[in-house]
PDB file of N, CA and C in Angstrom:
ATOM      1  N   UNK A   1    -128.960  50.532  19.532  1.00  0.00           N
ATOM      2  CA  UNK A   1    -128.639  50.971  20.860  1.00  0.00           C
ATOM      3  C   UNK A   1    -128.126  52.382  20.891  1.00  0.00           C
ATOM      4  N   UNK A   2    -128.184  52.949  22.037  1.00  0.00           N
ATOM      5  CA  UNK A   2    -127.723  54.320  22.257  1.00  0.00           C
ATOM      6  C   UNK A   2    -126.246  54.294  22.630  1.00  0.00           C
ATOM      7  N   UNK A   3    -125.475  55.140  21.982  1.00  0.00           N
ATOM      8  CA  UNK A   3    -124.038  55.179  22.285  1.00  0.00           C
ATOM      9  C   UNK A   3    -123.644  56.421  23.059  1.00  0.00           C
ATOM     10  N   UNK A   4    -124.531  57.443  23.089  1.00  0.00           N
ATOM     11  CA  UNK A   4    -124.234  58.671  23.821  1.00  0.00           C
ATOM     12  C   UNK A   4    -124.774  58.575  25.240  1.00  0.00           C
ATOM     13  N   UNK A   5    -124.061  59.146  26.229  1.00  0.00           N
ATOM     14  CA  UNK A   5    -124.591  59.157  27.605  1.00  0.00           C
ATOM     15  C   UNK A   5    -125.907  59.917  27.665  1.00  0.00           C
ATOM     16  N   UNK A   6    -126.780  59.507  28.571  1.00  0.00           N
ATOM     17  CA  UNK A   6    -128.069  60.157  28.755  1.00  0.00           C
ATOM     18  C   UNK A   6    -127.863  61.505  29.428  1.00  0.00           C
ATOM     19  N   UNK A   7    -128.513  62.549  28.906  1.00  0.00           N
ATOM     20  CA  UNK A   7    -128.435  63.890  29.476  1.00  0.00           C
ATOM     21  C   UNK A   7    -129.486  64.018  30.578  1.00  0.00           C
ATOM     22  N   UNK A   8    -129.043  64.176  31.831  1.00  0.00           N
ATOM     23  CA  UNK A   8    -129.969  64.264  32.958  1.00  0.00           C
ATOM     24  C   UNK A   8    -130.870  65.479  32.898  1.00  0.00           C
ATOM     25  N   UNK A   9    -130.430  66.541  32.239  1.00  0.00           N
ATOM     26  CA  UNK A   9    -131.245  67.740  32.155  1.00  0.00           C
ATOM     27  C   UNK A   9    -131.377  68.431  33.504  1.00  0.00           C
ATOM     28  N   UNK A  10    -132.308  69.362  33.599  1.00  0.00           N
ATOM     29  CA  UNK A  10    -132.494  70.110  34.847  1.00  0.00           C
ATOM     30  C   UNK A  10    -133.976  70.283  35.164  1.00  0.00           C
ATOM     31  N   UNK A  11    -134.812  69.321  34.776  1.00  0.00           N
ATOM     32  CA  UNK A  11    -136.246  69.425  34.971  1.00  0.00           C
ATOM     33  C   UNK A  11    -136.694  69.255  36.408  1.00  0.00           C
ATOM     34  N   UNK A  12    -135.952  68.509  37.204  1.00  0.00           N
ATOM     35  CA  UNK A  12    -136.311  68.308  38.603  1.00  0.00           C
ATOM     36  C   UNK A  12    -135.090  67.844  39.376  1.00  0.00           C
ATOM     37  N   UNK A  13    -135.196  67.864  40.703  1.00  0.00           N
ATOM     38  CA  UNK A  13    -134.049  67.512  41.531  1.00  0.00           C
ATOM     39  C   UNK A  13    -133.838  66.023  41.664  1.00  0.00           C
ATOM     40  N   UNK A  14    -134.874  65.293  42.109  1.00  0.00           N
ATOM     41  CA  UNK A  14    -134.740  63.864  42.292  1.00  0.00           C
ATOM     42  C   UNK A  14    -136.104  63.212  42.479  1.00  0.00           C
ATOM     43  N   UNK A  15    -136.136  61.911  42.355  1.00  0.00           N
ATOM     44  CA  UNK A  15    -137.327  61.115  42.638  1.00  0.00           C
ATOM     45  C   UNK A  15    -137.301  60.709  44.102  1.00  0.00           C
ATOM     46  N   UNK A  16    -138.459  60.345  44.649  1.00  0.00           N
ATOM     47  CA  UNK A  16    -138.518  59.840  46.018  1.00  0.00           C
ATOM     48  C   UNK A  16    -139.535  58.707  46.099  1.00  0.00           C
ATOM     49  N   UNK A  17    -139.219  57.717  46.903  1.00  0.00           N
ATOM     50  CA  UNK A  17    -140.133  56.613  47.188  1.00  0.00           C
ATOM     51  C   UNK A  17    -140.192  56.438  48.697  1.00  0.00           C
ATOM     52  N   UNK A  18    -141.271  55.816  49.187  1.00  0.00           N
ATOM     53  CA  UNK A  18    -141.374  55.588  50.621  1.00  0.00           C
ATOM     54  C   UNK A  18    -141.348  54.099  50.920  1.00  0.00           C
ATOM     55  N   UNK A  19    -140.801  53.749  52.063  1.00  0.00           N
ATOM     56  CA  UNK A  19    -140.686  52.363  52.510  1.00  0.00           C
ATOM     57  C   UNK A  19    -141.084  52.274  53.979  1.00  0.00           C
ATOM     58  N   UNK A  20    -141.403  51.072  54.425  1.00  0.00           N
ATOM     59  CA  UNK A  20    -141.765  50.864  55.833  1.00  0.00           C
ATOM     60  C   UNK A  20    -140.575  51.070  56.766  1.00  0.00           C
ATOM     61  N   UNK A  21    -139.387  50.581  56.358  1.00  0.00           N
ATOM     62  CA  UNK A  21    -138.221  50.568  57.242  1.00  0.00           C
ATOM     63  C   UNK A  21    -136.989  50.960  56.425  1.00  0.00           C
ATOM     64  N   UNK A  22    -136.531  52.195  56.582  1.00  0.00           N
ATOM     65  CA  UNK A  22    -135.406  52.702  55.796  1.00  0.00           C
ATOM     66  C   UNK A  22    -134.134  51.914  56.060  1.00  0.00           C
ATOM     67  N   UNK A  23    -133.865  51.555  57.302  1.00  0.00           N
ATOM     68  CA  UNK A  23    -132.630  50.825  57.618  1.00  0.00           C
ATOM     69  C   UNK A  23    -132.627  49.441  56.965  1.00  0.00           C
ATOM     70  N   UNK A  24    -133.766  48.746  57.001  1.00  0.00           N
ATOM     71  CA  UNK A  24    -133.854  47.419  56.388  1.00  0.00           C
ATOM     72  C   UNK A  24    -133.702  47.517  54.877  1.00  0.00           C
ATOM     73  N   UNK A  25    -134.319  48.520  54.273  1.00  0.00           N
ATOM     74  CA  UNK A  25    -134.213  48.698  52.816  1.00  0.00           C
ATOM     75  C   UNK A  25    -132.786  49.064  52.428  1.00  0.00           C
ATOM     76  N   UNK A  26    -132.140  49.891  53.244  1.00  0.00           N
ATOM     77  CA  UNK A  26    -130.742  50.262  53.000  1.00  0.00           C
ATOM     78  C   UNK A  26    -129.869  49.000  53.004  1.00  0.00           C
ATOM     79  N   UNK A  27    -130.069  48.131  53.988  1.00  0.00           N
ATOM     80  CA  UNK A  27    -129.276  46.895  54.082  1.00  0.00           C
ATOM     81  C   UNK A  27    -129.532  46.002  52.867  1.00  0.00           C
ATOM     82  N   UNK A  28    -130.790  45.887  52.443  1.00  0.00           N
ATOM     83  CA  UNK A  28    -131.128  45.047  51.288  1.00  0.00           C
ATOM     84  C   UNK A  28    -130.467  45.568  50.016  1.00  0.00           C
ATOM     85  N   UNK A  29    -130.547  46.882  49.792  1.00  0.00           N
ATOM     86  CA  UNK A  29    -129.962  47.465  48.592  1.00  0.00           C
ATOM     87  C   UNK A  29    -128.439  47.425  48.625  1.00  0.00           C
ATOM     88  N   UNK A  30    -127.867  47.567  49.816  1.00  0.00           N
ATOM     89  CA  UNK A  30    -126.410  47.475  49.960  1.00  0.00           C
ATOM     90  C   UNK A  30    -125.918  46.090  49.542  1.00  0.00           C
ATOM     91  N   UNK A  31    -126.659  45.048  49.935  1.00  0.00           N
ATOM     92  CA  UNK A  31    -126.302  43.681  49.543  1.00  0.00           C
ATOM     93  C   UNK A  31    -126.317  43.500  48.032  1.00  0.00           C
ATOM     94  N   UNK A  32    -127.157  44.283  47.348  1.00  0.00           N
ATOM     95  CA  UNK A  32    -127.253  44.221  45.881  1.00  0.00           C
ATOM     96  C   UNK A  32    -126.124  45.007  45.205  1.00  0.00           C
ATOM     97  N   UNK A  33    -125.305  45.700  46.001  1.00  0.00           N
ATOM     98  CA  UNK A  33    -124.165  46.416  45.451  1.00  0.00           C
ATOM     99  C   UNK A  33    -124.463  47.811  44.924  1.00  0.00           C
ATOM    100  N   UNK A  34    -125.609  48.404  45.329  1.00  0.00           N
ATOM    101  CA  UNK A  34    -125.952  49.737  44.852  1.00  0.00           C
ATOM    102  C   UNK A  34    -125.167  50.812  45.603  1.00  0.00           C
ATOM    103  N   UNK A  35    -125.034  51.969  44.978  1.00  0.00           N
ATOM    104  CA  UNK A  35    -124.351  53.107  45.589  1.00  0.00           C
ATOM    105  C   UNK A  35    -125.351  53.855  46.460  1.00  0.00           C
ATOM    106  N   UNK A  36    -125.097  53.885  47.767  1.00  0.00           N
ATOM    107  CA  UNK A  36    -126.027  54.471  48.737  1.00  0.00           C
ATOM    108  C   UNK A  36    -125.325  55.486  49.628  1.00  0.00           C
ATOM    109  N   UNK A  37    -126.089  56.476  50.082  1.00  0.00           N
ATOM    110  CA  UNK A  37    -125.594  57.345  51.148  1.00  0.00           C
ATOM    111  C   UNK A  37    -125.987  56.699  52.472  1.00  0.00           C
ATOM    112  N   UNK A  38    -125.369  57.096  53.570  1.00  0.00           N
ATOM    113  CA  UNK A  38    -125.787  56.563  54.869  1.00  0.00           C
ATOM    114  C   UNK A  38    -127.228  56.968  55.187  1.00  0.00           C
ATOM    115  N   UNK A  39    -127.895  56.177  56.033  1.00  0.00           N
ATOM    116  CA  UNK A  39    -129.234  56.528  56.509  1.00  0.00           C
ATOM    117  C   UNK A  39    -129.093  57.742  57.420  1.00  0.00           C
ATOM    118  N   UNK A  40    -129.927  58.745  57.187  1.00  0.00           N
ATOM    119  CA  UNK A  40    -129.903  59.960  58.009  1.00  0.00           C
ATOM    120  C   UNK A  40    -131.258  60.161  58.663  1.00  0.00           C
ATOM    121  N   UNK A  41    -131.231  60.755  59.834  1.00  0.00           N
ATOM    122  CA  UNK A  41    -132.458  61.075  60.553  1.00  0.00           C
ATOM    123  C   UNK A  41    -132.478  62.565  60.830  1.00  0.00           C
ATOM    124  N   UNK A  42    -133.572  63.220  60.444  1.00  0.00           N
ATOM    125  CA  UNK A  42    -133.757  64.636  60.743  1.00  0.00           C
ATOM    126  C   UNK A  42    -134.602  64.763  62.001  1.00  0.00           C
ATOM    127  N   UNK A  43    -134.191  65.646  62.885  1.00  0.00           N
ATOM    128  CA  UNK A  43    -134.941  65.884  64.114  1.00  0.00           C
ATOM    129  C   UNK A  43    -135.238  67.370  64.261  1.00  0.00           C
ATOM    130  N   UNK A  44    -136.337  67.661  64.933  1.00  0.00           N
ATOM    131  CA  UNK A  44    -136.712  69.032  65.257  1.00  0.00           C
ATOM    132  C   UNK A  44    -137.164  69.039  66.708  1.00  0.00           C
ATOM    133  N   UNK A  45    -136.437  69.753  67.554  1.00  0.00           N
ATOM    134  CA  UNK A  45    -136.740  69.799  68.992  1.00  0.00           C
ATOM    135  C   UNK A  45    -136.829  68.404  69.599  1.00  0.00           C
ATOM    136  N   UNK A  46    -135.912  67.527  69.199  1.00  0.00           N
ATOM    137  CA  UNK A  46    -135.846  66.188  69.763  1.00  0.00           C
ATOM    138  C   UNK A  46    -136.836  65.200  69.179  1.00  0.00           C
ATOM    139  N   UNK A  47    -137.646  65.633  68.220  1.00  0.00           N
ATOM    140  CA  UNK A  47    -138.631  64.742  67.601  1.00  0.00           C
ATOM    141  C   UNK A  47    -138.183  64.379  66.186  1.00  0.00           C
ATOM    142  N   UNK A  48    -138.191  63.096  65.848  1.00  0.00           N
ATOM    143  CA  UNK A  48    -137.806  62.659  64.511  1.00  0.00           C
ATOM    144  C   UNK A  48    -138.867  63.119  63.515  1.00  0.00           C
ATOM    145  N   UNK A  49    -138.413  63.832  62.476  1.00  0.00           N
ATOM    146  CA  UNK A  49    -139.341  64.288  61.445  1.00  0.00           C
ATOM    147  C   UNK A  49    -139.054  63.644  60.092  1.00  0.00           C
ATOM    148  N   UNK A  50    -137.995  62.859  60.002  1.00  0.00           N
ATOM    149  CA  UNK A  50    -137.706  62.171  58.749  1.00  0.00           C
ATOM    150  C   UNK A  50    -136.508  61.254  58.860  1.00  0.00           C
ATOM    151  N   UNK A  51    -136.606  60.092  58.213  1.00  0.00           N
ATOM    152  CA  UNK A  51    -135.498  59.141  58.119  1.00  0.00           C
ATOM    153  C   UNK A  51    -135.387  58.766  56.647  1.00  0.00           C
ATOM    154  N   UNK A  52    -134.164  58.869  56.085  1.00  0.00           N
ATOM    155  CA  UNK A  52    -134.019  58.699  54.647  1.00  0.00           C
ATOM    156  C   UNK A  52    -132.584  58.378  54.258  1.00  0.00           C
ATOM    157  N   UNK A  53    -132.426  57.946  53.005  1.00  0.00           N
ATOM    158  CA  UNK A  53    -131.117  57.836  52.363  1.00  0.00           C
ATOM    159  C   UNK A  53    -131.329  58.032  50.872  1.00  0.00           C
ATOM    160  N   UNK A  54    -130.234  58.167  50.137  1.00  0.00           N
ATOM    161  CA  UNK A  54    -130.299  58.320  48.685  1.00  0.00           C
ATOM    162  C   UNK A  54    -129.539  57.184  48.017  1.00  0.00           C
ATOM    163  N   UNK A  55    -130.004  56.813  46.824  1.00  0.00           N
ATOM    164  CA  UNK A  55    -129.230  55.927  45.960  1.00  0.00           C
ATOM    165  C   UNK A  55    -129.143  56.599  44.602  1.00  0.00           C
ATOM    166  N   UNK A  56    -128.242  56.116  43.766  1.00  0.00           N
ATOM    167  CA  UNK A  56    -128.058  56.660  42.433  1.00  0.00           C
ATOM    168  C   UNK A  56    -128.367  55.573  41.417  1.00  0.00           C
ATOM    169  N   UNK A  57    -129.257  55.878  40.460  1.00  0.00           N
ATOM    170  CA  UNK A  57    -129.597  54.874  39.455  1.00  0.00           C
ATOM    171  C   UNK A  57    -128.525  54.836  38.353  1.00  0.00           C
ATOM    172  N   UNK A  58    -128.605  53.884  37.433  1.00  0.00           N
ATOM    173  CA  UNK A  58    -127.560  53.753  36.411  1.00  0.00           C
ATOM    174  C   UNK A  58    -127.391  54.977  35.510  1.00  0.00           C
ATOM    175  N   UNK A  59    -128.428  55.811  35.373  1.00  0.00           N
ATOM    176  CA  UNK A  59    -128.322  57.030  34.569  1.00  0.00           C
ATOM    177  C   UNK A  59    -127.787  58.208  35.364  1.00  0.00           C
ATOM    178  N   UNK A  60    -127.565  58.038  36.660  1.00  0.00           N
ATOM    179  CA  UNK A  60    -127.038  59.111  37.491  1.00  0.00           C
ATOM    180  C   UNK A  60    -128.079  59.887  38.264  1.00  0.00           C
ATOM    181  N   UNK A  61    -129.367  59.491  38.151  1.00  0.00           N
ATOM    182  CA  UNK A  61    -130.413  60.168  38.916  1.00  0.00           C
ATOM    183  C   UNK A  61    -130.333  59.785  40.389  1.00  0.00           C
ATOM    184  N   UNK A  62    -130.598  60.744  41.257  1.00  0.00           N
ATOM    185  CA  UNK A  62    -130.672  60.491  42.693  1.00  0.00           C
ATOM    186  C   UNK A  62    -132.093  60.060  43.042  1.00  0.00           C
ATOM    187  N   UNK A  63    -132.221  59.031  43.846  1.00  0.00           N
ATOM    188  CA  UNK A  63    -133.519  58.556  44.322  1.00  0.00           C
ATOM    189  C   UNK A  63    -133.492  58.598  45.839  1.00  0.00           C
ATOM    190  N   UNK A  64    -134.430  59.348  46.418  1.00  0.00           N
ATOM    191  CA  UNK A  64    -134.528  59.449  47.872  1.00  0.00           C
ATOM    192  C   UNK A  64    -135.456  58.340  48.368  1.00  0.00           C
ATOM    193  N   UNK A  65    -135.012  57.624  49.384  1.00  0.00           N
ATOM    194  CA  UNK A  65    -135.810  56.567  49.996  1.00  0.00           C
ATOM    195  C   UNK A  65    -136.187  57.051  51.388  1.00  0.00           C
ATOM    196  N   UNK A  66    -137.492  57.308  51.596  1.00  0.00           N
ATOM    197  CA  UNK A  66    -138.009  57.873  52.842  1.00  0.00           C
ATOM    198  C   UNK A  66    -138.746  56.816  53.639  1.00  0.00           C
ATOM    199  N   UNK A  67    -138.583  56.868  54.937  1.00  0.00           N
ATOM    200  CA  UNK A  67    -139.352  55.967  55.803  1.00  0.00           C
ATOM    201  C   UNK A  67    -140.741  56.544  56.016  1.00  0.00           C
ATOM    202  N   UNK A  68    -141.765  55.727  55.795  1.00  0.00           N
ATOM    203  CA  UNK A  68    -143.156  56.170  55.994  1.00  0.00           C
ATOM    204  C   UNK A  68    -143.443  56.439  57.464  1.00  0.00           C
ATOM    205  N   UNK A  69    -144.371  57.347  57.700  1.00  0.00           N
ATOM    206  CA  UNK A  69    -144.852  57.569  59.057  1.00  0.00           C
ATOM    207  C   UNK A  69    -144.277  58.798  59.732  1.00  0.00           C
ATOM    208  N   UNK A  70    -143.198  59.375  59.198  1.00  0.00           N
ATOM    209  CA  UNK A  70    -142.672  60.603  59.795  1.00  0.00           C
ATOM    210  C   UNK A  70    -143.663  61.727  59.517  1.00  0.00           C
ATOM    211  N   UNK A  71    -143.883  62.616  60.459  1.00  0.00           N
ATOM    212  CA  UNK A  71    -144.848  63.702  60.248  1.00  0.00           C
ATOM    213  C   UNK A  71    -144.569  64.474  58.962  1.00  0.00           C
ATOM    214  N   UNK A  72    -145.614  64.658  58.172  1.00  0.00           N
ATOM    215  CA  UNK A  72    -145.493  65.428  56.945  1.00  0.00           C
ATOM    216  C   UNK A  72    -144.811  64.694  55.816  1.00  0.00           C
ATOM    217  N   UNK A  73    -144.550  63.408  55.975  1.00  0.00           N
ATOM    218  CA  UNK A  73    -143.822  62.657  54.949  1.00  0.00           C
ATOM    219  C   UNK A  73    -144.571  61.383  54.594  1.00  0.00           C
ATOM    220  N   UNK A  74    -145.132  61.271  53.435  1.00  0.00           N
ATOM    221  CA  UNK A  74    -145.688  60.032  52.876  1.00  0.00           C
ATOM    222  C   UNK A  74    -146.309  59.115  53.907  1.00  0.00           C
ATOM    223  N   UNK A  75    -147.274  59.591  54.627  1.00  0.00           N
ATOM    224  CA  UNK A  75    -147.907  58.781  55.678  1.00  0.00           C
ATOM    225  C   UNK A  75    -148.688  57.632  55.073  1.00  0.00           C
TER     226      UNK A  75
END
């Protein structure tokens, strides 16, 4: 087994996955006890352009969870 902490390095910022319903996925993951940021919605001129939240995996990586269907985002 490995006894030293994993070095996150600086190769990239974070991973991202898309889901049908960000709020439902947030609730499901919260029940599992994961560390989550609140669900956020980005708007531009009153139009929603993205709904997302982040979680942190056991190695400390940030994972962005995006709702599918927002313009320009994982349609």
